[in-house]
C-alpha cells in the first residue's frame, strides 16, 4: 500500500457555558423580582449535546466550573467534562477570556455563550486556527439553529485539508 499514513484528526473543542445557554430564565433578570427567577434546563439540551459530542470535545466554560459536572452533566445525561477554571478577581470584568485562551491553546474551537464580549470577537477573528463564537440570547438560550450551525462548522472543518 502506498501513500502517506492516515493522520488522525482531533475533534475541535466546544466551550460550553451554562447560565443563559443551557440554564435559562425565560424572562429578563430583574433584581427586584429575584425570588421569581427560576431558570430551567432547556428540555432538548441533553439530546442536542449528545449530538454535539460526536463532532466536538465538550468543555465547561462556565463560572460553575467543576460544579457543572455534579449538577448539570447528570441532569443532561452527560459524562464528566473538563472544566476551565476562571480567575474571577484577576481578570475582571471579563474573567472568562484569558482562561479560555490559555486552555484552548492552538486547537480549533467553537464557543457558545450568552455573554461573549467584543474582546472575544477580536480574539476569534485574529486566531490562525478555526474559531467560531456562537452568541445566544440570555432569555432564550441555545436553540436548534445554534446546534445546526455548530454541526455544519465542524463538518466543514473535517473537510479542510490537513496542513
Protein backbone atom coordinates (compact mmCIF):
# COMPACT_ATOMS: atom_id res chain seq x y z
CA UNK A 1 0.00 0.00 0.00
CA UNK A 2 1.45 3.37 -0.97
CA UNK A 3 0.73 6.92 0.04
CA UNK A 4 1.08 8.79 3.27
CA UNK A 5 -0.24 7.33 6.50
CA UNK A 6 -3.62 8.49 7.69
CA UNK A 7 -3.41 11.38 10.10
CA UNK A 8 -5.85 11.25 12.97
CA UNK A 9 -7.70 14.48 13.45
CA UNK A 10 -8.75 15.53 16.86
CA UNK A 11 -12.21 16.96 17.23
CA UNK A 12 -12.47 20.69 17.77
CA UNK A 13 -13.30 21.93 21.25
CA UNK A 14 -16.73 23.24 22.13
CA UNK A 15 -16.58 25.65 25.06
CA UNK A 16 -19.93 25.41 26.74
CA UNK A 17 -21.50 28.00 29.03
CA UNK A 18 -24.35 27.08 31.38
CA UNK A 19 -26.25 30.18 32.54
CA UNK A 20 -28.12 31.75 29.65
CA UNK A 21 -27.24 28.88 27.31
CA UNK A 22 -28.41 25.62 28.91
CA UNK A 23 -29.97 27.00 32.08
CA UNK A 24 -32.35 29.75 31.05
CA UNK A 25 -34.74 32.08 32.81
CA UNK A 26 -37.35 32.84 30.19
CA UNK A 27 -37.60 36.47 31.29
CA UNK A 28 -35.06 39.23 31.70
CA UNK A 29 -33.29 39.33 35.06
CA UNK A 30 -34.87 41.81 37.42
CA UNK A 31 -33.15 42.22 40.77
CA UNK A 32 -36.43 43.34 42.34
CA UNK A 33 -38.05 40.08 41.23
CA UNK A 34 -35.14 37.78 42.15
CA UNK A 35 -37.44 35.45 44.06
CA UNK A 36 -39.29 34.72 40.80
CA UNK A 37 -36.08 33.90 38.93
CA UNK A 38 -36.49 30.20 38.18
CA UNK A 39 -34.06 29.10 35.50
CA UNK A 40 -34.75 25.78 33.83
CA UNK A 41 -32.71 23.47 31.67
CA UNK A 42 -33.80 23.53 28.07
CA UNK A 43 -35.77 20.31 27.55
CA UNK A 44 -33.84 19.40 24.38
CA UNK A 45 -30.37 20.37 25.64
CA UNK A 46 -29.38 16.81 26.58
CA UNK A 47 -30.19 15.42 23.14
CA UNK A 48 -28.52 18.36 21.41
CA UNK A 49 -25.34 17.98 23.45
CA UNK A 50 -25.27 14.24 22.76
CA UNK A 51 -25.34 15.15 19.06
CA UNK A 52 -22.58 17.70 19.50
CA UNK A 53 -20.31 15.23 21.32
CA UNK A 54 -19.97 13.30 18.06
CA UNK A 55 -18.38 16.36 16.42
CA UNK A 56 -16.71 18.14 19.36
CA UNK A 57 -14.80 17.60 22.58
CA UNK A 58 -17.06 19.42 25.05
CA UNK A 59 -15.54 21.58 27.78
CA UNK A 60 -17.33 23.51 30.51
CA UNK A 61 -16.62 27.22 30.03
CA UNK A 62 -18.87 28.42 32.82
CA UNK A 63 -18.41 30.09 36.16
CA UNK A 64 -19.98 26.90 37.53
CA UNK A 65 -16.60 25.32 36.70
CA UNK A 66 -16.43 21.76 38.15
CA UNK A 67 -19.84 22.13 39.84
CA UNK A 68 -21.35 21.73 36.37
CA UNK A 69 -20.19 18.09 36.44
CA UNK A 70 -22.06 17.44 39.68
CA UNK A 71 -25.29 19.27 38.83
CA UNK A 72 -25.73 19.98 35.12
CA UNK A 73 -24.00 16.99 33.49
CA UNK A 74 -26.11 14.32 35.26
CA UNK A 75 -29.31 16.24 34.54
CA UNK A 76 -28.43 16.25 30.82
CA UNK A 77 -27.06 12.72 30.65
CA UNK A 78 -23.51 13.92 30.00
CA UNK A 79 -20.33 12.32 31.26
CA UNK A 80 -17.95 14.36 33.37
CA UNK A 81 -16.38 17.05 31.19
CA UNK A 82 -13.18 19.03 31.59
CA UNK A 83 -13.85 22.44 33.13
CA UNK A 84 -11.96 25.66 32.57
CA UNK A 85 -11.16 27.36 35.86
CA UNK A 86 -11.53 31.14 35.86
CA UNK A 87 -9.60 33.67 37.92
CA UNK A 88 -12.58 35.91 38.59
CA UNK A 89 -10.74 38.51 40.67
CA UNK A 90 -7.67 38.80 38.47
CA UNK A 91 -9.43 39.11 35.14
CA UNK A 92 -12.48 41.23 35.98
CA UNK A 93 -14.60 42.45 34.21
CA UNK A 94 -14.11 39.73 31.53
CA UNK A 95 -12.79 36.77 33.51
CA UNK A 96 -13.53 34.03 31.03
CA UNK A 97 -11.48 35.08 28.02
CA UNK A 98 -7.91 34.91 29.41
CA UNK A 99 -8.51 31.48 30.93
CA UNK A 100 -10.24 30.21 27.78
CA UNK A 101 -7.36 31.42 25.61
CA UNK A 102 -4.85 29.60 27.79
CA UNK A 103 -6.96 26.43 27.90
CA UNK A 104 -7.67 26.26 24.16
CA UNK A 105 -4.09 26.83 23.03
CA UNK A 106 -3.85 26.26 19.28
CA UNK A 107 -6.79 23.86 18.91
CA UNK A 108 -9.74 24.74 16.71
CA UNK A 109 -12.69 25.66 18.87
CA UNK A 110 -16.24 26.91 19.00
CA UNK A 111 -17.63 28.75 22.00
CA UNK A 112 -21.32 29.10 22.82
CA UNK A 113 -22.12 31.72 25.43
CA UNK A 114 -24.67 34.44 26.14
CA UNK A 115 -22.06 36.86 27.45
CA UNK A 116 -19.30 36.98 24.84
CA UNK A 117 -17.88 40.48 24.60
CA UNK A 118 -16.15 42.38 21.81
CA UNK A 119 -12.74 41.23 23.09
CA UNK A 120 -13.76 37.61 22.44
CA UNK A 121 -14.82 38.52 18.90
CA UNK A 122 -11.47 40.24 18.36
CA UNK A 123 -9.58 37.21 19.69
CA UNK A 124 -11.56 34.80 17.50
CA UNK A 125 -11.08 36.90 14.37
CA UNK A 126 -7.33 37.10 14.97
CA UNK A 127 -6.70 33.38 15.54
CA UNK A 128 -4.83 31.43 12.90
CA UNK A 129 -6.84 28.29 13.65
CA UNK A 130 -10.58 27.92 13.01
CA UNK A 131 -12.66 29.54 15.71
CA UNK A 132 -16.41 30.06 15.91
CA UNK A 133 -18.21 32.14 18.50
CA UNK A 134 -21.92 31.48 18.92
CA UNK A 135 -23.71 34.29 20.72
CA UNK A 136 -27.04 33.31 22.26
CA UNK A 137 -29.83 35.36 23.78
CA UNK A 138 -29.77 35.13 27.59
CA UNK A 139 -33.54 34.67 27.94
CA UNK A 140 -33.78 32.16 25.10
CA UNK A 141 -30.63 30.06 25.40
CA UNK A 142 -29.38 27.52 22.94
CA UNK A 143 -31.70 26.80 20.04
CA UNK A 144 -31.75 24.18 17.31
CA UNK A 145 -30.33 26.72 14.85
CA UNK A 146 -27.24 27.08 17.08
CA UNK A 147 -26.75 23.30 17.15
CA UNK A 148 -27.10 23.14 13.36
CA UNK A 149 -24.60 25.96 12.92
CA UNK A 150 -22.08 24.23 15.20
CA UNK A 151 -22.50 20.89 13.42
CA UNK A 152 -22.13 22.49 9.97
CA UNK A 153 -18.98 24.30 11.11
CA UNK A 154 -17.45 21.08 12.48
CA UNK A 155 -18.36 19.21 9.29
CA UNK A 156 -16.72 21.91 7.18
CA UNK A 157 -13.65 21.75 9.41
CA UNK A 158 -13.33 17.98 8.81
CA UNK A 159 -13.40 18.60 5.05
CA UNK A 160 -10.47 21.00 5.12
CA UNK A 161 -7.10 19.64 4.05
CA UNK A 162 -4.65 18.84 6.81
CA UNK A 163 -1.64 21.13 6.69
